[in-house]
C-alpha atoms as a PDB file:
ATOM      1  CA  MET A   1     113.584 130.616 120.943  1.00  0.00           C
ATOM      2  CA  ILE A   2     111.627 130.764 117.792  1.00  0.00           C
ATOM      3  CA  LYS A   3     114.804 131.626 115.774  1.00  0.00           C
ATOM      4  CA  ASN A   4     116.391 128.697 117.343  1.00  0.00           C
ATOM      5  CA  LYS A   5     113.514 126.537 116.197  1.00  0.00           C
ATOM      6  CA  PHE A   6     113.414 127.977 112.714  1.00  0.00           C
ATOM      7  CA  ILE A   7     117.203 127.099 112.269  1.00  0.00           C
ATOM      8  CA  SER A   8     116.563 123.566 113.729  1.00  0.00           C
ATOM      9  CA  LEU A   9     114.119 123.066 111.024  1.00  0.00           C
ATOM     10  CA  LEU A  10     116.399 124.033 108.272  1.00  0.00           C
ATOM     11  CA  ASN A  11     119.224 121.882 109.714  1.00  0.00           C
ATOM     12  CA  ARG A  12     117.015 118.985 109.168  1.00  0.00           C
ATOM     13  CA  TYR A  13     117.381 119.353 105.414  1.00  0.00           C
ATOM     14  CA  LYS A  14     121.137 119.696 105.350  1.00  0.00           C
ATOM     15  CA  THR A  15     123.075 116.684 105.981  1.00  0.00           C
ATOM     16  CA  ASP A  16     126.071 114.687 104.369  1.00  0.00           C
ATOM     17  CA  LEU A  17     124.825 111.402 105.380  1.00  0.00           C
ATOM     18  CA  PRO A  18     122.756 109.091 103.136  1.00  0.00           C
ATOM     19  CA  THR A  19     119.050 109.712 103.739  1.00  0.00           C
ATOM     20  CA  PHE A  20     115.328 108.803 102.830  1.00  0.00           C
ATOM     21  CA  THR A  21     113.050 111.630 101.614  1.00  0.00           C
ATOM     22  CA  ILE A  22     109.617 111.746 100.825  1.00  0.00           C
ATOM     23  CA  ILE A  23     108.548 114.296  98.737  1.00  0.00           C
ATOM     24  CA  GLY A  24     105.275 115.878  97.695  1.00  0.00           C
ATOM     25  CA  VAL A  25     105.508 116.704  93.702  1.00  0.00           C
ATOM     26  CA  GLY A  26     102.189 118.379  93.617  1.00  0.00           C
ATOM     27  CA  PRO A  27      99.034 117.542  91.512  1.00  0.00           C
ATOM     28  CA  GLY A  28     100.534 117.410  88.094  1.00  0.00           C
ATOM     29  CA  ASP A  29     101.922 120.763  87.071  1.00  0.00           C
ATOM     30  CA  PRO A  30     105.764 120.740  87.435  1.00  0.00           C
ATOM     31  CA  SER A  31     105.485 124.549  88.004  1.00  0.00           C
ATOM     32  CA  LEU A  32     104.023 123.722  91.223  1.00  0.00           C
ATOM     33  CA  LEU A  33     106.843 122.001  92.685  1.00  0.00           C
ATOM     34  CA  THR A  34     108.593 123.423  95.542  1.00  0.00           C
ATOM     35  CA  ILE A  35     112.237 124.449  95.827  1.00  0.00           C
ATOM     36  CA  ALA A  36     112.692 121.976  98.760  1.00  0.00           C
ATOM     37  CA  ALA A  37     111.393 119.111  96.359  1.00  0.00           C
ATOM     38  CA  ILE A  38     113.597 120.220  93.551  1.00  0.00           C
ATOM     39  CA  ASP A  39     116.924 120.284  95.745  1.00  0.00           C
ATOM     40  CA  ALA A  40     116.250 117.001  97.353  1.00  0.00           C
ATOM     41  CA  ILE A  41     115.672 115.273  94.062  1.00  0.00           C
ATOM     42  CA  LYS A  42     118.952 116.838  92.546  1.00  0.00           C
ATOM     43  CA  LYS A  43     121.007 115.684  95.524  1.00  0.00           C
ATOM     44  CA  ALA A  44     119.465 112.076  95.640  1.00  0.00           C
ATOM     45  CA  LYS A  45     121.368 109.263  93.746  1.00  0.00           C
ATOM     46  CA  VAL A  46     117.997 107.098  93.667  1.00  0.00           C
ATOM     47  CA  ILE A  47     114.478 108.060  92.725  1.00  0.00           C
ATOM     48  CA  VAL A  48     111.803 105.767  93.915  1.00  0.00           C
ATOM     49  CA  PHE A  49     108.402 106.108  91.989  1.00  0.00           C
ATOM     50  CA  PRO A  50     104.697 104.571  92.601  1.00  0.00           C
ATOM     51  CA  ILE A  51     103.197 102.868  89.258  1.00  0.00           C
ATOM     52  CA  SER A  52      99.718 101.156  89.384  1.00  0.00           C
ATOM     53  CA  ASP A  53     101.181  98.114  87.288  1.00  0.00           C
ATOM     54  CA  ASP A  54     104.337  96.987  85.154  1.00  0.00           C
ATOM     55  CA  ASN A  55     102.786  98.658  82.053  1.00  0.00           C
ATOM     56  CA  LYS A  56     101.923 102.042  83.421  1.00  0.00           C
ATOM     57  CA  LYS A  57     103.955 105.267  83.893  1.00  0.00           C
ATOM     58  CA  SER A  58     103.911 107.018  86.884  1.00  0.00           C
ATOM     59  CA  PHE A  59     102.316 110.617  86.985  1.00  0.00           C
ATOM     60  CA  ALA A  60     104.658 111.208  89.812  1.00  0.00           C
ATOM     61  CA  ALA A  61     107.705 110.331  87.919  1.00  0.00           C
ATOM     62  CA  GLU A  62     106.374 112.508  84.802  1.00  0.00           C
ATOM     63  CA  ILE A  63     106.040 115.792  87.072  1.00  0.00           C
ATOM     64  CA  VAL A  64     109.964 115.703  87.974  1.00  0.00           C
ATOM     65  CA  LYS A  65     111.434 113.970  84.837  1.00  0.00           C
ATOM     66  CA  LYS A  66     113.442 117.300  84.040  1.00  0.00           C
ATOM     67  CA  TYR A  67     115.307 116.523  87.411  1.00  0.00           C
ATOM     68  CA  THR A  68     115.923 112.841  87.160  1.00  0.00           C
ATOM     69  CA  LYS A  69     118.067 112.133  84.268  1.00  0.00           C
ATOM     70  CA  PHE A  70     121.140 110.189  84.709  1.00  0.00           C
ATOM     71  CA  LYS A  71     119.844 109.118  88.098  1.00  0.00           C
ATOM     72  CA  LYS A  72     118.800 105.357  89.253  1.00  0.00           C
ATOM     73  CA  THR A  73     114.940 105.379  88.787  1.00  0.00           C
ATOM     74  CA  ILE A  74     113.106 102.490  90.612  1.00  0.00           C
ATOM     75  CA  PRO A  75     109.547 101.873  89.942  1.00  0.00           C
ATOM     76  CA  ILE A  76     107.444 100.373  92.548  1.00  0.00           C
ATOM     77  CA  ILE A  77     103.906  98.759  92.167  1.00  0.00           C
ATOM     78  CA  PHE A  78     101.614 100.515  94.695  1.00  0.00           C
ATOM     79  CA  PRO A  79      98.331  98.429  95.431  1.00  0.00           C
ATOM     80  CA  MET A  80      96.203 101.393  95.282  1.00  0.00           C
ATOM     81  CA  ALA A  81      93.460  99.516  96.889  1.00  0.00           C
ATOM     82  CA  ARG A  82      93.722  96.576  94.447  1.00  0.00           C
ATOM     83  CA  LYS A  83      92.626  93.212  95.509  1.00  0.00           C
ATOM     84  CA  ASP A  84      95.125  91.626  93.372  1.00  0.00           C
ATOM     85  CA  PHE A  85      98.128  93.080  95.244  1.00  0.00           C
ATOM     86  CA  ASP A  86      99.066  92.051  98.764  1.00  0.00           C
ATOM     87  CA  PRO A  87     100.090  95.603 100.293  1.00  0.00           C
ATOM     88  CA  ASP A  88     102.075  94.420 103.130  1.00  0.00           C
ATOM     89  CA  GLN A  89     104.214  92.643 100.905  1.00  0.00           C
ATOM     90  CA  ILE A  90     104.549  95.522  98.480  1.00  0.00           C
ATOM     91  CA  TRP A  91     105.500  97.761 101.442  1.00  0.00           C
ATOM     92  CA  SER A  92     107.923  95.265 102.717  1.00  0.00           C
ATOM     93  CA  ASN A  93     109.489  94.933  99.257  1.00  0.00           C
ATOM     94  CA  ALA A  94     110.049  98.386  98.744  1.00  0.00           C
ATOM     95  CA  VAL A  95     111.566  99.047 102.263  1.00  0.00           C
ATOM     96  CA  GLU A  96     113.884  96.264 101.342  1.00  0.00           C
ATOM     97  CA  LYS A  97     115.187  97.795  98.194  1.00  0.00           C
ATOM     98  CA  ILE A  98     115.278 101.446  99.709  1.00  0.00           C
ATOM     99  CA  VAL A  99     117.321 100.023 102.513  1.00  0.00           C
ATOM    100  CA  LYS A 100     120.020  98.346 100.439  1.00  0.00           C
ATOM    101  CA  PHE A 101     120.540 101.628  98.421  1.00  0.00           C
ATOM    102  CA  ILE A 102     120.923 103.903 101.833  1.00  0.00           C
ATOM    103  CA  GLN A 103     123.257 101.338 103.211  1.00  0.00           C
ATOM    104  CA  ASN A 104     125.347 101.562 100.213  1.00  0.00           C
ATOM    105  CA  GLY A 105     125.717 105.231 100.893  1.00  0.00           C
ATOM    106  CA  GLU A 106     123.113 106.289  98.513  1.00  0.00           C
ATOM    107  CA  SER A 107     120.382 108.918  99.189  1.00  0.00           C
ATOM    108  CA  VAL A 108     117.008 107.966  98.212  1.00  0.00           C
ATOM    109  CA  VAL A 109     113.842 110.119  97.236  1.00  0.00           C
ATOM    110  CA  LEU A 110     110.296 108.597  97.263  1.00  0.00           C
ATOM    111  CA  LEU A 111     107.936 110.358  94.916  1.00  0.00           C
ATOM    112  CA  CYS A 112     104.465 111.316  96.388  1.00  0.00           C
ATOM    113  CA  LEU A 113     101.655 112.692  94.030  1.00  0.00           C
ATOM    114  CA  GLY A 114     100.195 115.857  95.649  1.00  0.00           C
ATOM    115  CA  ASP A 115     100.940 116.185  99.346  1.00  0.00           C
ATOM    116  CA  THR A 116     102.755 114.029 101.755  1.00  0.00           C
ATOM    117  CA  SER A 117     100.176 113.929 104.216  1.00  0.00           C
ATOM    118  CA  LEU A 118      96.708 113.487 102.438  1.00  0.00           C
ATOM    119  CA  PHE A 119      95.978 109.958 101.502  1.00  0.00           C
ATOM    120  CA  ALA A 120      99.685 109.208 100.810  1.00  0.00           C
ATOM    121  CA  SER A 121     100.408 105.470 100.265  1.00  0.00           C
ATOM    122  CA  SER A 122     104.036 106.587 101.064  1.00  0.00           C
ATOM    123  CA  SER A 123     103.334 106.715 104.798  1.00  0.00           C
ATOM    124  CA  ASN A 124     103.273 103.069 104.749  1.00  0.00           C
ATOM    125  CA  ILE A 125     106.897 102.834 103.738  1.00  0.00           C
ATOM    126  CA  LEU A 126     107.967 105.629 106.131  1.00  0.00           C
ATOM    127  CA  ARG A 127     106.482 103.714 109.241  1.00  0.00           C
ATOM    128  CA  LEU A 128     108.091 100.591 108.285  1.00  0.00           C
ATOM    129  CA  ILE A 129     111.631 102.193 107.885  1.00  0.00           C
ATOM    130  CA  LYS A 130     111.019 104.048 111.198  1.00  0.00           C
ATOM    131  CA  ASN A 131     110.060 101.127 113.100  1.00  0.00           C
ATOM    132  CA  ASN A 132     112.743  98.631 111.566  1.00  0.00           C
ATOM    133  CA  HIS A 133     115.725 100.822 110.626  1.00  0.00           C
ATOM    134  CA  ALA A 134     115.751 103.427 113.232  1.00  0.00           C
ATOM    135  CA  GLU A 135     119.153 104.269 112.149  1.00  0.00           C
ATOM    136  CA  ILE A 136     118.179 105.720 108.805  1.00  0.00           C
ATOM    137  CA  LEU A 137     117.693 109.428 108.727  1.00  0.00           C
ATOM    138  CA  THR A 138     114.105 110.010 107.421  1.00  0.00           C
ATOM    139  CA  LYS A 139     112.870 113.568 105.957  1.00  0.00           C
ATOM    140  CA  THR A 140     109.252 114.600 104.762  1.00  0.00           C
ATOM    141  CA  ILE A 141     108.721 117.462 102.045  1.00  0.00           C
ATOM    142  CA  PRO A 142     105.338 118.538 101.718  1.00  0.00           C
ATOM    143  CA  GLY A 143     103.825 119.373  98.327  1.00  0.00           C
ATOM    144  CA  ILE A 144     100.728 121.388  96.865  1.00  0.00           C
ATOM    145  CA  SER A 145      97.752 118.966  97.288  1.00  0.00           C
ATOM    146  CA  SER A 146      95.206 118.631  94.463  1.00  0.00           C
ATOM    147  CA  ILE A 147      92.424 119.954  96.814  1.00  0.00           C
ATOM    148  CA  SER A 148      94.618 123.387  97.575  1.00  0.00           C
ATOM    149  CA  ALA A 149      95.266 123.785  93.620  1.00  0.00           C
ATOM    150  CA  ALA A 150      91.597 122.937  92.764  1.00  0.00           C
ATOM    151  CA  ALA A 151      90.532 125.544  95.130  1.00  0.00           C
ATOM    152  CA  ALA A 152      92.977 128.273  93.930  1.00  0.00           C
ATOM    153  CA  LEU A 153      92.016 127.765  90.357  1.00  0.00           C
ATOM    154  CA  ASN A 154      88.450 128.263  91.295  1.00  0.00           C
ATOM    155  CA  ASN A 155      89.147 131.196  94.020  1.00  0.00           C
ATOM    156  CA  PHE A 156      87.265 128.673  96.332  1.00  0.00           C
ATOM    157  CA  ASP A 157      88.212 129.354  99.979  1.00  0.00           C
ATOM    158  CA  LEU A 158      88.884 126.155 101.553  1.00  0.00           C
ATOM    159  CA  VAL A 159      88.018 127.352 104.849  1.00  0.00           C
ATOM    160  CA  LYS A 160      87.068 130.512 106.285  1.00  0.00           C
ATOM    161  CA  LYS A 161      87.004 132.155 109.853  1.00  0.00           C
ATOM    162  CA  GLY A 162      84.370 129.985 111.990  1.00  0.00           C
ATOM    163  CA  GLU A 163      84.071 126.966 109.270  1.00  0.00           C
ATOM    164  CA  THR A 164      85.123 123.193 109.734  1.00  0.00           C
ATOM    165  CA  LEU A 165      86.630 121.711 106.635  1.00  0.00           C
ATOM    166  CA  ILE A 166      85.969 117.895 106.351  1.00  0.00           C
ATOM    167  CA  ILE A 167      88.051 115.719 103.708  1.00  0.00           C
ATOM    168  CA  LYS A 168      86.820 112.345 103.046  1.00  0.00           C
ATOM    169  CA  GLU A 169      87.211 109.690 100.515  1.00  0.00           C
ATOM    170  CA  CYS A 170      84.127 109.204  98.553  1.00  0.00           C
ATOM    171  CA  PRO A 171      81.352 107.120 100.187  1.00  0.00           C
ATOM    172  CA  SER A 172      80.471 103.997  98.173  1.00  0.00           C
ATOM    173  CA  SER A 173      76.529 104.387  98.913  1.00  0.00           C
ATOM    174  CA  ASP A 174      74.104 107.198  98.673  1.00  0.00           C
ATOM    175  CA  LEU A 175      73.058 106.787 102.239  1.00  0.00           C
ATOM    176  CA  GLU A 176      76.713 107.550 103.300  1.00  0.00           C
ATOM    177  CA  LEU A 177      76.810 110.528 101.181  1.00  0.00           C
ATOM    178  CA  THR A 178      73.405 112.001 102.102  1.00  0.00           C
ATOM    179  CA  SER A 179      74.575 111.571 105.727  1.00  0.00           C
ATOM    180  CA  LEU A 180      77.704 113.610 104.998  1.00  0.00           C
ATOM    181  CA  ILE A 181      75.675 116.180 103.324  1.00  0.00           C
ATOM    182  CA  SER A 182      73.179 116.542 106.178  1.00  0.00           C
ATOM    183  CA  GLU A 183      75.985 116.874 108.586  1.00  0.00           C
ATOM    184  CA  ILE A 184      77.416 119.957 106.868  1.00  0.00           C
ATOM    185  CA  ARG A 185      74.095 121.797 106.028  1.00  0.00           C
ATOM    186  CA  GLY A 186      73.680 124.915 108.522  1.00  0.00           C
ATOM    187  CA  ASN A 187      77.035 124.287 110.247  1.00  0.00           C
ATOM    188  CA  LYS A 188      79.770 126.226 108.554  1.00  0.00           C
ATOM    189  CA  THR A 189      81.528 123.263 107.123  1.00  0.00           C
ATOM    190  CA  VAL A 190      83.032 122.697 103.799  1.00  0.00           C
ATOM    191  CA  LEU A 191      83.410 119.132 102.623  1.00  0.00           C
ATOM    192  CA  VAL A 192      85.915 117.743 100.145  1.00  0.00           C
ATOM    193  CA  ILE A 193      85.361 114.392  98.693  1.00  0.00           C
ATOM    194  CA  MET A 194      88.145 112.965  97.129  1.00  0.00           C
ATOM    195  CA  LYS A 195      88.358 109.936  94.392  1.00  0.00           C
ATOM    196  CA  VAL A 196      85.001 110.098  93.124  1.00  0.00           C
ATOM    197  CA  GLY A 197      85.907 108.550  89.833  1.00  0.00           C
ATOM    198  CA  LYS A 198      83.746 105.323  89.246  1.00  0.00           C
ATOM    199  CA  ARG A 199      81.242 106.363  91.899  1.00  0.00           C
ATOM    200  CA  TRP A 200      80.164 109.441  89.996  1.00  0.00           C
ATOM    201  CA  ASN A 201      76.746 108.091  89.016  1.00  0.00           C
ATOM    202  CA  ILE A 202      75.886 107.465  92.710  1.00  0.00           C
ATOM    203  CA  VAL A 203      77.550 111.187  93.726  1.00  0.00           C
ATOM    204  CA  ARG A 204      75.624 112.924  91.042  1.00  0.00           C
ATOM    205  CA  LYS A 205      71.956 111.276  91.680  1.00  0.00           C
ATOM    206  CA  THR A 206      72.806 112.196  95.380  1.00  0.00           C
ATOM    207  CA  LEU A 207      73.507 115.984  94.762  1.00  0.00           C
ATOM    208  CA  GLU A 208      70.646 116.518  92.586  1.00  0.00           C
ATOM    209  CA  LYS A 209      68.418 114.902  95.064  1.00  0.00           C
ATOM    210  CA  GLU A 210      69.926 117.119  97.809  1.00  0.00           C
ATOM    211  CA  GLU A 211      69.489 120.211  95.243  1.00  0.00           C
ATOM    212  CA  ILE A 212      72.972 120.975  95.590  1.00  0.00           C
ATOM    213  CA  ILE A 213      74.537 119.927  92.283  1.00  0.00           C
ATOM    214  CA  ASN A 214      74.677 123.781  91.073  1.00  0.00           C
ATOM    215  CA  GLU A 215      76.965 124.722  93.853  1.00  0.00           C
ATOM    216  CA  SER A 216      79.249 121.809  94.153  1.00  0.00           C
ATOM    217  CA  ILE A 217      82.612 121.802  92.123  1.00  0.00           C
ATOM    218  CA  ILE A 218      84.028 119.173  90.723  1.00  0.00           C
ATOM    219  CA  ALA A 219      87.964 119.020  89.826  1.00  0.00           C
ATOM    220  CA  LEU A 220      89.420 116.541  87.504  1.00  0.00           C
ATOM    221  CA  ASN A 221      92.938 115.712  86.800  1.00  0.00           C
ATOM    222  CA  VAL A 222      94.149 118.999  88.336  1.00  0.00           C
ATOM    223  CA  GLY A 223      97.423 120.229  87.091  1.00  0.00           C
ATOM    224  CA  MET A 224      97.275 117.846  84.104  1.00  0.00           C
ATOM    225  CA  PRO A 225      96.657 118.757  80.539  1.00  0.00           C
ATOM    226  CA  ASP A 226      93.045 117.432  80.600  1.00  0.00           C
ATOM    227  CA  GLN A 227      92.254 119.410  83.770  1.00  0.00           C
ATOM    228  CA  ILE A 228      88.526 120.015  84.283  1.00  0.00           C
ATOM    229  CA  ILE A 229      87.275 122.664  87.054  1.00  0.00           C
ATOM    230  CA  GLN A 230      83.598 123.429  86.740  1.00  0.00           C
ATOM    231  CA  TYR A 231      80.192 123.120  88.491  1.00  0.00           C
ATOM    232  CA  ALA A 232      79.156 119.406  88.756  1.00  0.00           C
ATOM    233  CA  SER A 233      75.888 120.360  86.973  1.00  0.00           C
ATOM    234  CA  GLN A 234      77.990 120.944  84.001  1.00  0.00           C
ATOM    235  CA  TYR A 235      79.677 117.670  83.756  1.00  0.00           C
ATOM    236  CA  LYS A 236      77.704 115.457  81.477  1.00  0.00           C
ATOM    237  CA  LYS A 237      79.783 112.016  81.496  1.00  0.00           C
ATOM    238  CA  ASP A 238      78.813 108.998  83.058  1.00  0.00           C
ATOM    239  CA  THR A 239      82.310 108.383  84.943  1.00  0.00           C
ATOM    240  CA  MET A 240      85.067 110.608  86.209  1.00  0.00           C
ATOM    241  CA  PRO A 241      88.939 109.890  86.254  1.00  0.00           C
ATOM    242  CA  TYR A 242      90.626 108.334  89.033  1.00  0.00           C
ATOM    243  CA  PHE A 243      91.895 111.742  90.036  1.00  0.00           C
ATOM    244  CA  SER A 244      88.634 113.524  90.863  1.00  0.00           C
ATOM    245  CA  LEU A 245      87.092 115.740  93.589  1.00  0.00           C
ATOM    246  CA  LEU A 246      84.313 117.662  94.752  1.00  0.00           C
ATOM    247  CA  LEU A 247      84.326 120.851  96.736  1.00  0.00           C
ATOM    248  CA  ILE A 248      80.844 121.944  98.711  1.00  0.00           C
ATOM    249  CA  ARG A 249      80.028 124.711 100.498  1.00  0.00           C
ATOM    250  CA  LEU A 250      76.360 125.223 101.540  1.00  0.00           C
ATOM    251  CA  ASN A 251      76.765 128.466 103.670  1.00  0.00           C
ATOM    252  CA  LEU A 252      77.608 131.033 100.995  1.00  0.00           C
END
């Protein structure tokens, strides 16, 4: 029974029909790409990747550029929570482009920075395709998340036996963050806070007030040339880049 399920899983990645595949390309280091991701890119005729606006490069595309030569590369502006973009319109336009390629017999890969299951905007596109174009074969290939990479680089156990792991986007107020920290105290809970970025000043003051800044780990631009991983108390700048997270365990 288990063997049959394993064979079925493998078969999902083997087909001659044009497919739509979302792949996680990891946090930034090309050496962290999975074999499944590389194979999917090589087989696809069209590579779709996110950009924040028309004048910016794609981090995801840079990671896989070695494998995308001579392929059709299609940038799509992702809203990234910006008010000047209409997210519903963006997802609809992206789906329309992707579907046209697939209907023309060309397999399409959509690149997703990090892992496909953690704060992935690509899930909006997948949802629309599954709802409106059920005939299209879709696949999702996971990648290494910045959380996993940051933990590994610091020899930090994300979760041990008997512990709970909480992953949250960075709160916008010190009251929310204080409440989160109170929740994990004494409860064998590890807290991961994503996308600290411009909220770093609020976060730093809260960590200092709660007297945990010396045991909180920051990870910035994981897998990229300017990567920083250190204790929060060691970071002296007033802002953090967009790709930033915190690892907090209070039950050492």
